[in-house]
Amino acid sequence: MANNILQKILERPMAIQQVNSDVTLLELPLVNAFLVGNPSTNNGDWVLVGAGMAHTGKDILQAAEGRFGKGSQPKAIILTHAHFDHVGAILELLNTWPNVPVYAHQLELPYLKGQKDYPPADPTVNDGLIAMISPTFPNKGVNLGNRVQALPVDGSVPWMAGWKWIHTPGHSPGMFHYFVKVMVH
């Protein structure tokens, strides 16, 4: 039964939601990714946050072209962490965008450079469906070699002016979240 439910989740088509003029949410199976940039004001400069699950690269590319134009490429790909559901399409995306740098927290680099695998999932963390099936999830790192580099230690996010990253370990060693300064007039 759990496998049938998961299969239905994975077959769900991507949904796109415009959060504001600069942020577009890509609702992929199990996870989200974001296109950050405004095609009207940013001279075509934009950033992809997250790389979704395997086989979602085509959806991400299609959404990016729909928002920023055919053949457009991000200035960077920012990874919040290296779990399989957030880096599944990274190699496909990097094959399409061969010169785009990838950034992640320093503590995630061993998982993104093929030097380390995550520990196996613990299904006892709670009694939910995802926890129950988590031992079947891949935990192997991905090898991006020199394509990935550490985020700046000052908390800034490359190509995302006004945004800062905050280290929030727990889910993974280098997990982080963003916040943006809101200007009050």
N, C-alpha and C. Protein backbone atom coordinates (compact mmCIF):
# COMPACT_ATOMS: atom_id res chain seq x y z
N MET A 1 0.82 -1.19 0.00
CA MET A 1 0.00 0.00 0.00
C MET A 1 0.86 1.26 0.00
N ALA A 2 1.94 1.27 0.83
CA ALA A 2 2.82 2.44 0.90
C ALA A 2 3.46 2.71 -0.45
N ASN A 3 3.88 1.65 -1.15
CA ASN A 3 4.49 1.83 -2.46
C ASN A 3 3.50 2.41 -3.46
N ASN A 4 2.22 2.02 -3.39
CA ASN A 4 1.21 2.57 -4.28
C ASN A 4 0.99 4.06 -4.02
N ILE A 5 0.97 4.44 -2.76
CA ILE A 5 0.80 5.85 -2.41
C ILE A 5 1.99 6.66 -2.90
N LEU A 6 3.20 6.16 -2.66
CA LEU A 6 4.40 6.85 -3.11
C LEU A 6 4.41 6.97 -4.63
N GLN A 7 4.03 5.93 -5.33
CA GLN A 7 4.00 5.98 -6.79
C GLN A 7 3.05 7.07 -7.28
N LYS A 8 1.90 7.21 -6.65
CA LYS A 8 0.95 8.27 -7.03
C LYS A 8 1.55 9.65 -6.79
N ILE A 9 2.27 9.81 -5.68
CA ILE A 9 2.92 11.09 -5.39
C ILE A 9 3.96 11.41 -6.46
N LEU A 10 4.76 10.42 -6.82
CA LEU A 10 5.83 10.64 -7.79
C LEU A 10 5.31 10.91 -9.20
N GLU A 11 4.11 10.44 -9.50
CA GLU A 11 3.53 10.65 -10.82
C GLU A 11 2.81 11.99 -10.95
N ARG A 12 2.66 12.68 -9.83
CA ARG A 12 1.96 13.97 -9.85
C ARG A 12 2.72 14.97 -10.73
N PRO A 13 2.03 15.68 -11.61
CA PRO A 13 2.74 16.64 -12.46
C PRO A 13 3.22 17.85 -11.64
N MET A 14 4.25 18.49 -12.15
CA MET A 14 4.78 19.68 -11.50
C MET A 14 3.75 20.80 -11.55
N ALA A 15 3.64 21.55 -10.48
CA ALA A 15 2.81 22.75 -10.45
C ALA A 15 3.74 23.95 -10.29
N ILE A 16 3.34 25.07 -10.87
CA ILE A 16 4.14 26.29 -10.81
C ILE A 16 3.30 27.37 -10.14
N GLN A 17 3.90 28.04 -9.17
CA GLN A 17 3.20 29.11 -8.46
C GLN A 17 4.11 30.33 -8.38
N GLN A 18 3.60 31.47 -8.81
CA GLN A 18 4.35 32.72 -8.72
C GLN A 18 4.18 33.25 -7.31
N VAL A 19 5.25 33.22 -6.50
CA VAL A 19 5.19 33.67 -5.12
C VAL A 19 5.19 35.19 -5.06
N ASN A 20 6.11 35.81 -5.79
CA ASN A 20 6.14 37.27 -5.96
C ASN A 20 6.87 37.55 -7.27
N SER A 21 7.21 38.78 -7.55
CA SER A 21 7.81 39.09 -8.85
C SER A 21 9.18 38.46 -9.04
N ASP A 22 9.84 38.07 -7.96
CA ASP A 22 11.19 37.50 -8.04
C ASP A 22 11.27 36.00 -7.76
N VAL A 23 10.23 35.40 -7.22
CA VAL A 23 10.31 34.01 -6.78
C VAL A 23 9.19 33.18 -7.41
N THR A 24 9.59 32.11 -8.11
CA THR A 24 8.64 31.17 -8.69
C THR A 24 8.87 29.82 -8.03
N LEU A 25 7.81 29.27 -7.48
CA LEU A 25 7.85 27.97 -6.81
C LEU A 25 7.54 26.87 -7.83
N LEU A 26 8.42 25.87 -7.89
CA LEU A 26 8.19 24.68 -8.71
C LEU A 26 7.85 23.56 -7.74
N GLU A 27 6.60 23.13 -7.72
CA GLU A 27 6.16 22.05 -6.84
C GLU A 27 6.38 20.73 -7.57
N LEU A 28 7.49 20.09 -7.23
CA LEU A 28 7.86 18.81 -7.83
C LEU A 28 7.40 17.68 -6.92
N PRO A 29 7.43 16.44 -7.38
CA PRO A 29 7.09 15.34 -6.48
C PRO A 29 7.99 15.34 -5.24
N LEU A 30 7.41 15.33 -4.08
CA LEU A 30 8.05 15.28 -2.77
C LEU A 30 8.78 16.54 -2.34
N VAL A 31 9.28 17.36 -3.27
CA VAL A 31 10.09 18.53 -2.90
C VAL A 31 9.73 19.72 -3.78
N ASN A 32 10.29 20.85 -3.41
CA ASN A 32 10.12 22.07 -4.20
C ASN A 32 11.47 22.54 -4.70
N ALA A 33 11.45 23.29 -5.78
CA ALA A 33 12.61 24.03 -6.26
C ALA A 33 12.11 25.44 -6.55
N PHE A 34 13.02 26.38 -6.70
CA PHE A 34 12.62 27.77 -6.90
C PHE A 34 13.45 28.40 -8.00
N LEU A 35 12.80 29.20 -8.82
CA LEU A 35 13.47 30.07 -9.77
C LEU A 35 13.45 31.45 -9.12
N VAL A 36 14.62 32.03 -8.90
CA VAL A 36 14.71 33.33 -8.24
C VAL A 36 15.29 34.34 -9.21
N GLY A 37 14.50 35.31 -9.56
CA GLY A 37 14.90 36.36 -10.49
C GLY A 37 13.68 36.88 -11.21
N ASN A 38 13.74 38.12 -11.62
CA ASN A 38 12.62 38.75 -12.30
C ASN A 38 13.03 39.04 -13.74
N PRO A 39 12.40 38.37 -14.72
CA PRO A 39 12.81 38.56 -16.11
C PRO A 39 12.60 39.99 -16.60
N SER A 40 11.78 40.77 -15.92
CA SER A 40 11.52 42.15 -16.33
C SER A 40 12.61 43.12 -15.85
N THR A 41 13.24 42.79 -14.73
CA THR A 41 14.17 43.76 -14.13
C THR A 41 15.58 43.24 -13.90
N ASN A 42 15.84 41.97 -14.05
CA ASN A 42 17.14 41.42 -13.68
C ASN A 42 18.04 41.13 -14.88
N ASN A 43 17.77 41.71 -16.03
CA ASN A 43 18.61 41.47 -17.22
C ASN A 43 18.79 39.98 -17.52
N GLY A 44 17.81 39.19 -17.19
CA GLY A 44 17.90 37.76 -17.44
C GLY A 44 18.70 37.00 -16.41
N ASP A 45 19.19 37.68 -15.37
CA ASP A 45 19.94 37.02 -14.30
C ASP A 45 18.96 36.32 -13.36
N TRP A 46 19.19 35.05 -13.14
CA TRP A 46 18.35 34.29 -12.23
C TRP A 46 19.14 33.13 -11.64
N VAL A 47 18.58 32.55 -10.58
CA VAL A 47 19.22 31.46 -9.85
C VAL A 47 18.20 30.34 -9.65
N LEU A 48 18.67 29.11 -9.74
CA LEU A 48 17.84 27.95 -9.42
C LEU A 48 18.20 27.50 -8.01
N VAL A 49 17.20 27.36 -7.16
CA VAL A 49 17.42 26.85 -5.81
C VAL A 49 16.82 25.45 -5.76
N GLY A 50 17.67 24.45 -5.60
CA GLY A 50 17.23 23.06 -5.55
C GLY A 50 17.26 22.43 -6.93
N ALA A 51 17.45 21.11 -6.96
CA ALA A 51 17.52 20.41 -8.23
C ALA A 51 16.56 19.22 -8.30
N GLY A 52 15.59 19.18 -7.40
CA GLY A 52 14.54 18.18 -7.47
C GLY A 52 15.01 16.74 -7.45
N MET A 53 14.07 15.87 -7.75
CA MET A 53 14.34 14.43 -7.78
C MET A 53 14.78 14.02 -9.17
N ALA A 54 15.32 12.83 -9.26
CA ALA A 54 15.68 12.28 -10.56
C ALA A 54 14.47 12.35 -11.49
N HIS A 55 14.73 12.60 -12.73
CA HIS A 55 13.70 12.65 -13.78
C HIS A 55 12.83 13.90 -13.73
N THR A 56 13.21 14.90 -12.93
CA THR A 56 12.45 16.16 -12.93
C THR A 56 13.21 17.25 -13.67
N GLY A 57 14.39 16.95 -14.17
CA GLY A 57 15.19 17.95 -14.87
C GLY A 57 14.47 18.57 -16.04
N LYS A 58 13.76 17.76 -16.81
CA LYS A 58 13.04 18.27 -17.97
C LYS A 58 11.97 19.28 -17.55
N ASP A 59 11.29 19.00 -16.44
CA ASP A 59 10.28 19.93 -15.93
C ASP A 59 10.91 21.24 -15.47
N ILE A 60 12.05 21.14 -14.78
CA ILE A 60 12.75 22.34 -14.31
C ILE A 60 13.21 23.18 -15.51
N LEU A 61 13.79 22.54 -16.51
CA LEU A 61 14.25 23.24 -17.70
C LEU A 61 13.09 23.92 -18.43
N GLN A 62 11.97 23.23 -18.54
CA GLN A 62 10.79 23.78 -19.21
C GLN A 62 10.26 25.00 -18.45
N ALA A 63 10.19 24.91 -17.13
CA ALA A 63 9.72 26.04 -16.33
C ALA A 63 10.67 27.24 -16.44
N ALA A 64 11.98 26.96 -16.44
CA ALA A 64 12.97 28.04 -16.56
C ALA A 64 12.85 28.74 -17.91
N GLU A 65 12.69 27.96 -18.97
CA GLU A 65 12.53 28.58 -20.29
C GLU A 65 11.22 29.34 -20.40
N GLY A 66 10.16 28.84 -19.77
CA GLY A 66 8.90 29.55 -19.77
C GLY A 66 8.99 30.88 -19.05
N ARG A 67 9.79 30.95 -18.02
CA ARG A 67 9.93 32.18 -17.23
C ARG A 67 10.98 33.13 -17.80
N PHE A 68 12.13 32.59 -18.24
CA PHE A 68 13.25 33.45 -18.62
C PHE A 68 13.62 33.39 -20.09
N GLY A 69 12.93 32.55 -20.87
CA GLY A 69 13.19 32.49 -22.30
C GLY A 69 14.00 31.27 -22.70
N LYS A 70 13.81 30.87 -23.95
CA LYS A 70 14.47 29.68 -24.49
C LYS A 70 15.99 29.86 -24.42
N GLY A 71 16.66 28.83 -23.95
CA GLY A 71 18.11 28.83 -23.88
C GLY A 71 18.69 29.58 -22.69
N SER A 72 17.82 30.14 -21.85
CA SER A 72 18.35 30.87 -20.69
C SER A 72 19.01 29.91 -19.71
N GLN A 73 19.99 30.43 -18.98
CA GLN A 73 20.70 29.63 -17.99
C GLN A 73 20.79 30.42 -16.69
N PRO A 74 20.74 29.71 -15.58
CA PRO A 74 20.89 30.43 -14.31
C PRO A 74 22.33 30.89 -14.12
N LYS A 75 22.49 31.89 -13.27
CA LYS A 75 23.84 32.34 -12.89
C LYS A 75 24.46 31.34 -11.92
N ALA A 76 23.60 30.61 -11.21
CA ALA A 76 24.08 29.61 -10.24
C ALA A 76 22.94 28.67 -9.89
N ILE A 77 23.32 27.51 -9.38
CA ILE A 77 22.38 26.58 -8.75
C ILE A 77 22.79 26.51 -7.29
N ILE A 78 21.83 26.77 -6.41
CA ILE A 78 22.06 26.76 -4.97
C ILE A 78 21.37 25.52 -4.40
N LEU A 79 22.13 24.70 -3.67
CA LEU A 79 21.57 23.49 -3.06
C LEU A 79 21.50 23.67 -1.55
N THR A 80 20.31 23.49 -0.99
CA THR A 80 20.14 23.63 0.46
C THR A 80 20.76 22.47 1.22
N HIS A 81 20.85 21.32 0.57
CA HIS A 81 21.52 20.14 1.10
C HIS A 81 21.57 19.11 -0.02
N ALA A 82 22.19 17.96 0.25
CA ALA A 82 22.47 17.02 -0.83
C ALA A 82 21.66 15.73 -0.79
N HIS A 83 20.53 15.71 -0.09
CA HIS A 83 19.70 14.51 -0.11
C HIS A 83 19.19 14.25 -1.53
N PHE A 84 18.93 12.98 -1.82
CA PHE A 84 18.57 12.54 -3.17
C PHE A 84 17.40 13.32 -3.77
N ASP A 85 16.46 13.75 -2.95
CA ASP A 85 15.29 14.44 -3.48
C ASP A 85 15.56 15.91 -3.78
N HIS A 86 16.73 16.40 -3.43
CA HIS A 86 17.10 17.79 -3.72
C HIS A 86 18.22 17.91 -4.75
N VAL A 87 18.85 16.77 -5.11
CA VAL A 87 19.93 16.78 -6.10
C VAL A 87 19.70 15.76 -7.21
N GLY A 88 18.52 15.17 -7.26
CA GLY A 88 18.26 14.09 -8.21
C GLY A 88 18.46 14.45 -9.66
N ALA A 89 18.14 15.68 -10.04
CA ALA A 89 18.27 16.10 -11.44
C ALA A 89 19.51 16.95 -11.68
N ILE A 90 20.39 17.07 -10.69
CA ILE A 90 21.52 17.99 -10.82
C ILE A 90 22.43 17.64 -11.99
N LEU A 91 22.73 16.37 -12.20
CA LEU A 91 23.63 16.01 -13.31
C LEU A 91 22.99 16.32 -14.66
N GLU A 92 21.70 16.06 -14.79
CA GLU A 92 21.00 16.40 -16.04
C GLU A 92 21.03 17.90 -16.28
N LEU A 93 20.81 18.68 -15.23
CA LEU A 93 20.82 20.14 -15.36
C LEU A 93 22.22 20.64 -15.72
N LEU A 94 23.25 20.08 -15.08
CA LEU A 94 24.61 20.51 -15.37
C LEU A 94 25.06 20.10 -16.77
N ASN A 95 24.52 19.00 -17.29
CA ASN A 95 24.81 18.63 -18.68
C ASN A 95 24.21 19.65 -19.64
N THR A 96 23.05 20.19 -19.29
CA THR A 96 22.40 21.19 -20.12
C THR A 96 23.05 22.56 -19.94
N TRP A 97 23.48 22.85 -18.72
CA TRP A 97 24.10 24.14 -18.38
C TRP A 97 25.55 23.89 -17.94
N PRO A 98 26.47 23.60 -18.85
CA PRO A 98 27.81 23.15 -18.47
C PRO A 98 28.68 24.17 -17.74
N ASN A 99 28.35 25.44 -17.80
CA ASN A 99 29.20 26.45 -17.16
C ASN A 99 28.58 27.08 -15.93
N VAL A 100 27.50 26.51 -15.45
CA VAL A 100 26.80 27.08 -14.29
C VAL A 100 27.40 26.52 -13.00
N PRO A 101 27.84 27.41 -12.09
CA PRO A 101 28.40 26.92 -10.82
C PRO A 101 27.31 26.47 -9.86
N VAL A 102 27.69 25.59 -8.95
CA VAL A 102 26.78 25.08 -7.92
C VAL A 102 27.36 25.48 -6.57
N TYR A 103 26.48 25.93 -5.67
CA TYR A 103 26.90 26.33 -4.33
C TYR A 103 26.11 25.55 -3.29
N ALA A 104 26.80 25.21 -2.20
CA ALA A 104 26.16 24.53 -1.07
C ALA A 104 26.97 24.87 0.19
N HIS A 105 26.42 24.54 1.33
CA HIS A 105 27.13 24.75 2.58
C HIS A 105 28.39 23.89 2.62
N GLN A 106 29.44 24.40 3.24
CA GLN A 106 30.72 23.69 3.36
C GLN A 106 30.55 22.26 3.87
N LEU A 107 29.64 22.06 4.84
CA LEU A 107 29.46 20.73 5.43
C LEU A 107 28.76 19.74 4.49
N GLU A 108 28.16 20.24 3.42
CA GLU A 108 27.52 19.36 2.43
C GLU A 108 28.47 18.95 1.32
N LEU A 109 29.61 19.62 1.20
CA LEU A 109 30.52 19.35 0.08
C LEU A 109 31.00 17.89 0.01
N PRO A 110 31.29 17.21 1.13
CA PRO A 110 31.70 15.80 0.99
C PRO A 110 30.63 14.92 0.32
N TYR A 111 29.35 15.26 0.51
CA TYR A 111 28.26 14.50 -0.09
C TYR A 111 28.06 14.88 -1.56
N LEU A 112 28.56 16.06 -1.93
CA LEU A 112 28.41 16.55 -3.30
C LEU A 112 29.67 16.34 -4.14
N LYS A 113 30.72 15.88 -3.49
CA LYS A 113 31.96 15.61 -4.22
C LYS A 113 32.28 14.12 -4.22
N GLY A 114 31.27 13.29 -3.87
CA GLY A 114 31.44 11.85 -3.91
C GLY A 114 32.37 11.29 -2.85
N GLN A 115 32.64 12.05 -1.81
CA GLN A 115 33.57 11.62 -0.76
C GLN A 115 32.88 10.93 0.40
N LYS A 116 31.58 11.09 0.51
CA LYS A 116 30.85 10.59 1.67
C LYS A 116 29.41 10.30 1.28
N ASP A 117 28.82 9.30 1.94
CA ASP A 117 27.40 9.00 1.79
C ASP A 117 26.70 9.37 3.09
N TYR A 118 25.44 9.70 2.98
CA TYR A 118 24.65 9.96 4.19
C TYR A 118 24.42 8.64 4.92
N PRO A 119 24.20 8.68 6.23
CA PRO A 119 23.84 7.45 6.94
C PRO A 119 22.47 6.96 6.46
N PRO A 120 22.19 5.67 6.62
CA PRO A 120 20.86 5.17 6.24
C PRO A 120 19.77 5.89 7.03
N ALA A 121 18.60 6.01 6.42
CA ALA A 121 17.47 6.68 7.07
C ALA A 121 16.98 5.88 8.27
N ASP A 122 16.42 6.59 9.23
CA ASP A 122 15.89 5.98 10.45
C ASP A 122 14.36 6.02 10.41
N PRO A 123 13.71 4.88 10.16
CA PRO A 123 12.25 4.87 10.04
C PRO A 123 11.53 5.07 11.38
N THR A 124 12.27 5.10 12.49
CA THR A 124 11.62 5.24 13.80
C THR A 124 11.47 6.70 14.24
N VAL A 125 11.86 7.66 13.39
CA VAL A 125 11.78 9.07 13.80
C VAL A 125 10.34 9.51 14.05
N ASN A 126 9.40 8.95 13.31
CA ASN A 126 7.97 9.16 13.58
C ASN A 126 7.19 8.05 12.90
N ASP A 127 5.87 8.12 12.99
CA ASP A 127 5.07 7.02 12.43
C ASP A 127 4.42 7.38 11.10
N GLY A 128 4.93 8.39 10.42
CA GLY A 128 4.38 8.80 9.14
C GLY A 128 4.84 7.90 7.99
N LEU A 129 4.16 8.05 6.87
CA LEU A 129 4.45 7.24 5.68
C LEU A 129 5.87 7.45 5.19
N ILE A 130 6.32 8.69 5.10
CA ILE A 130 7.66 8.96 4.58
C ILE A 130 8.72 8.32 5.48
N ALA A 131 8.56 8.44 6.79
CA ALA A 131 9.51 7.80 7.71
C ALA A 131 9.50 6.29 7.51
N MET A 132 8.32 5.72 7.33
CA MET A 132 8.19 4.28 7.19
C MET A 132 8.94 3.76 5.94
N ILE A 133 8.85 4.49 4.84
CA ILE A 133 9.49 4.02 3.61
C ILE A 133 10.89 4.60 3.42
N SER A 134 11.36 5.43 4.35
CA SER A 134 12.66 6.08 4.20
C SER A 134 13.85 5.13 4.04
N PRO A 135 13.82 3.91 4.60
CA PRO A 135 14.97 3.02 4.36
C PRO A 135 15.16 2.66 2.89
N THR A 136 14.14 2.87 2.06
CA THR A 136 14.28 2.57 0.63
C THR A 136 14.88 3.75 -0.14
N PHE A 137 15.03 4.90 0.50
CA PHE A 137 15.55 6.08 -0.18
C PHE A 137 17.06 5.96 -0.39
N PRO A 138 17.55 6.44 -1.52
CA PRO A 138 19.01 6.44 -1.74
C PRO A 138 19.71 7.35 -0.72
N ASN A 139 20.89 6.94 -0.29
CA ASN A 139 21.65 7.78 0.63
C ASN A 139 23.07 8.04 0.11
N LYS A 140 23.33 7.63 -1.11
CA LYS A 140 24.65 7.77 -1.70
C LYS A 140 24.87 9.23 -2.13
N GLY A 141 26.08 9.73 -1.90
CA GLY A 141 26.43 11.07 -2.35
C GLY A 141 26.52 11.13 -3.87
N VAL A 142 26.60 12.32 -4.39
CA VAL A 142 26.76 12.54 -5.82
C VAL A 142 28.11 13.21 -6.03
N ASN A 143 28.76 12.97 -7.15
CA ASN A 143 30.07 13.55 -7.39
C ASN A 143 29.99 14.67 -8.42
N LEU A 144 29.97 15.91 -7.94
CA LEU A 144 29.96 17.07 -8.83
C LEU A 144 31.37 17.62 -9.04
N GLY A 145 32.35 17.00 -8.39
CA GLY A 145 33.73 17.44 -8.55
C GLY A 145 33.92 18.92 -8.27
N ASN A 146 34.63 19.60 -9.17
CA ASN A 146 34.90 21.02 -8.95
C ASN A 146 33.75 21.92 -9.40
N ARG A 147 32.64 21.33 -9.80
CA ARG A 147 31.46 22.14 -10.18
C ARG A 147 30.76 22.72 -8.97
N VAL A 148 31.04 22.19 -7.78
CA VAL A 148 30.38 22.67 -6.57
C VAL A 148 31.39 23.37 -5.68
N GLN A 149 30.94 24.44 -5.06
CA GLN A 149 31.79 25.19 -4.14
C GLN A 149 30.98 25.65 -2.93
N ALA A 150 31.71 26.00 -1.89
CA ALA A 150 31.06 26.43 -0.65
C ALA A 150 30.44 27.80 -0.80
N LEU A 151 29.30 27.97 -0.14
CA LEU A 151 28.68 29.29 -0.05
C LEU A 151 29.63 30.25 0.67
N PRO A 152 29.55 31.54 0.39
CA PRO A 152 30.39 32.49 1.11
C PRO A 152 30.11 32.44 2.62
N VAL A 153 31.16 32.53 3.41
CA VAL A 153 31.02 32.44 4.87
C VAL A 153 30.31 33.65 5.47
N ASP A 154 30.20 34.74 4.71
CA ASP A 154 29.53 35.93 5.24
C ASP A 154 28.00 35.83 5.21
N GLY A 155 27.47 34.69 4.75
CA GLY A 155 26.02 34.48 4.72
C GLY A 155 25.35 34.99 3.46
N SER A 156 26.10 35.61 2.56
CA SER A 156 25.49 36.07 1.32
C SER A 156 25.23 34.88 0.39
N VAL A 157 24.36 35.08 -0.57
CA VAL A 157 24.02 34.04 -1.53
C VAL A 157 24.41 34.55 -2.91
N PRO A 158 25.32 33.86 -3.61
CA PRO A 158 25.75 34.32 -4.92
C PRO A 158 24.59 34.58 -5.87
N TRP A 159 24.63 35.73 -6.50
CA TRP A 159 23.65 36.17 -7.49
C TRP A 159 22.27 36.43 -6.91
N MET A 160 22.15 36.48 -5.60
CA MET A 160 20.86 36.75 -4.96
C MET A 160 21.04 37.93 -4.00
N ALA A 161 21.15 39.12 -4.54
CA ALA A 161 21.37 40.33 -3.75
C ALA A 161 20.26 40.50 -2.70
N GLY A 162 20.67 40.79 -1.48
CA GLY A 162 19.72 41.00 -0.40
C GLY A 162 19.32 39.74 0.34
N TRP A 163 19.67 38.58 -0.19
CA TRP A 163 19.36 37.31 0.45
C TRP A 163 20.53 36.88 1.33
N LYS A 164 20.23 36.21 2.40
CA LYS A 164 21.23 35.64 3.29
C LYS A 164 20.87 34.19 3.55
N TRP A 165 21.88 33.36 3.81
CA TRP A 165 21.61 31.98 4.20
C TRP A 165 21.92 31.84 5.68
N ILE A 166 21.16 30.95 6.33
CA ILE A 166 21.32 30.68 7.76
C ILE A 166 21.50 29.18 7.92
N HIS A 167 22.59 28.78 8.56
CA HIS A 167 22.87 27.36 8.78
C HIS A 167 21.85 26.78 9.75
N THR A 168 21.14 25.74 9.34
CA THR A 168 20.10 25.10 10.16
C THR A 168 20.31 23.59 10.14
N PRO A 169 21.41 23.10 10.74
CA PRO A 169 21.69 21.67 10.70
C PRO A 169 20.65 20.86 11.47
N GLY A 170 20.61 19.61 11.18
CA GLY A 170 19.67 18.69 11.82
C GLY A 170 19.16 17.70 10.80
N HIS A 171 18.51 18.22 9.79
CA HIS A 171 18.04 17.37 8.69
C HIS A 171 19.24 16.80 7.93
N SER A 172 20.26 17.61 7.78
CA SER A 172 21.56 17.20 7.23
C SER A 172 22.61 18.11 7.86
N PRO A 173 23.89 17.72 7.80
CA PRO A 173 24.91 18.53 8.48
C PRO A 173 24.99 19.98 8.00
N GLY A 174 24.84 20.17 6.71
CA GLY A 174 24.99 21.51 6.16
C GLY A 174 23.70 22.16 5.72
N MET A 175 22.58 21.65 6.15
CA MET A 175 21.28 22.22 5.76
C MET A 175 21.25 23.70 6.10
N PHE A 176 20.67 24.48 5.19
CA PHE A 176 20.49 25.90 5.49
C PHE A 176 19.20 26.39 4.86
N HIS A 177 18.75 27.52 5.35
CA HIS A 177 17.56 28.20 4.84
C HIS A 177 17.92 29.63 4.49
N TYR A 178 17.03 30.29 3.80
CA TYR A 178 17.25 31.65 3.34
C TYR A 178 16.31 32.62 4.03
N PHE A 179 16.72 33.84 4.04
CA PHE A 179 15.79 34.91 4.32
C PHE A 179 16.20 36.10 3.47
N VAL A 180 15.26 36.95 3.19
CA VAL A 180 15.53 38.13 2.37
C VAL A 180 15.12 39.35 3.19
N LYS A 181 15.92 40.40 3.05
CA LYS A 181 15.57 41.64 3.73
C LYS A 181 14.37 42.25 3.03
N VAL A 182 13.41 42.69 3.81
CA VAL A 182 12.24 43.35 3.26
C VAL A 182 12.41 44.84 3.50
N MET A 183 12.37 45.59 2.47
CA MET A 183 12.52 47.05 2.58
C MET A 183 11.17 47.68 2.86
N VAL A 184 11.10 48.49 3.90
CA VAL A 184 9.88 49.19 4.24
C VAL A 184 10.01 50.63 3.78
N HIS A 185 9.02 51.10 3.04
CA HIS A 185 9.07 52.48 2.51
C HIS A 185 8.21 53.38 3.35
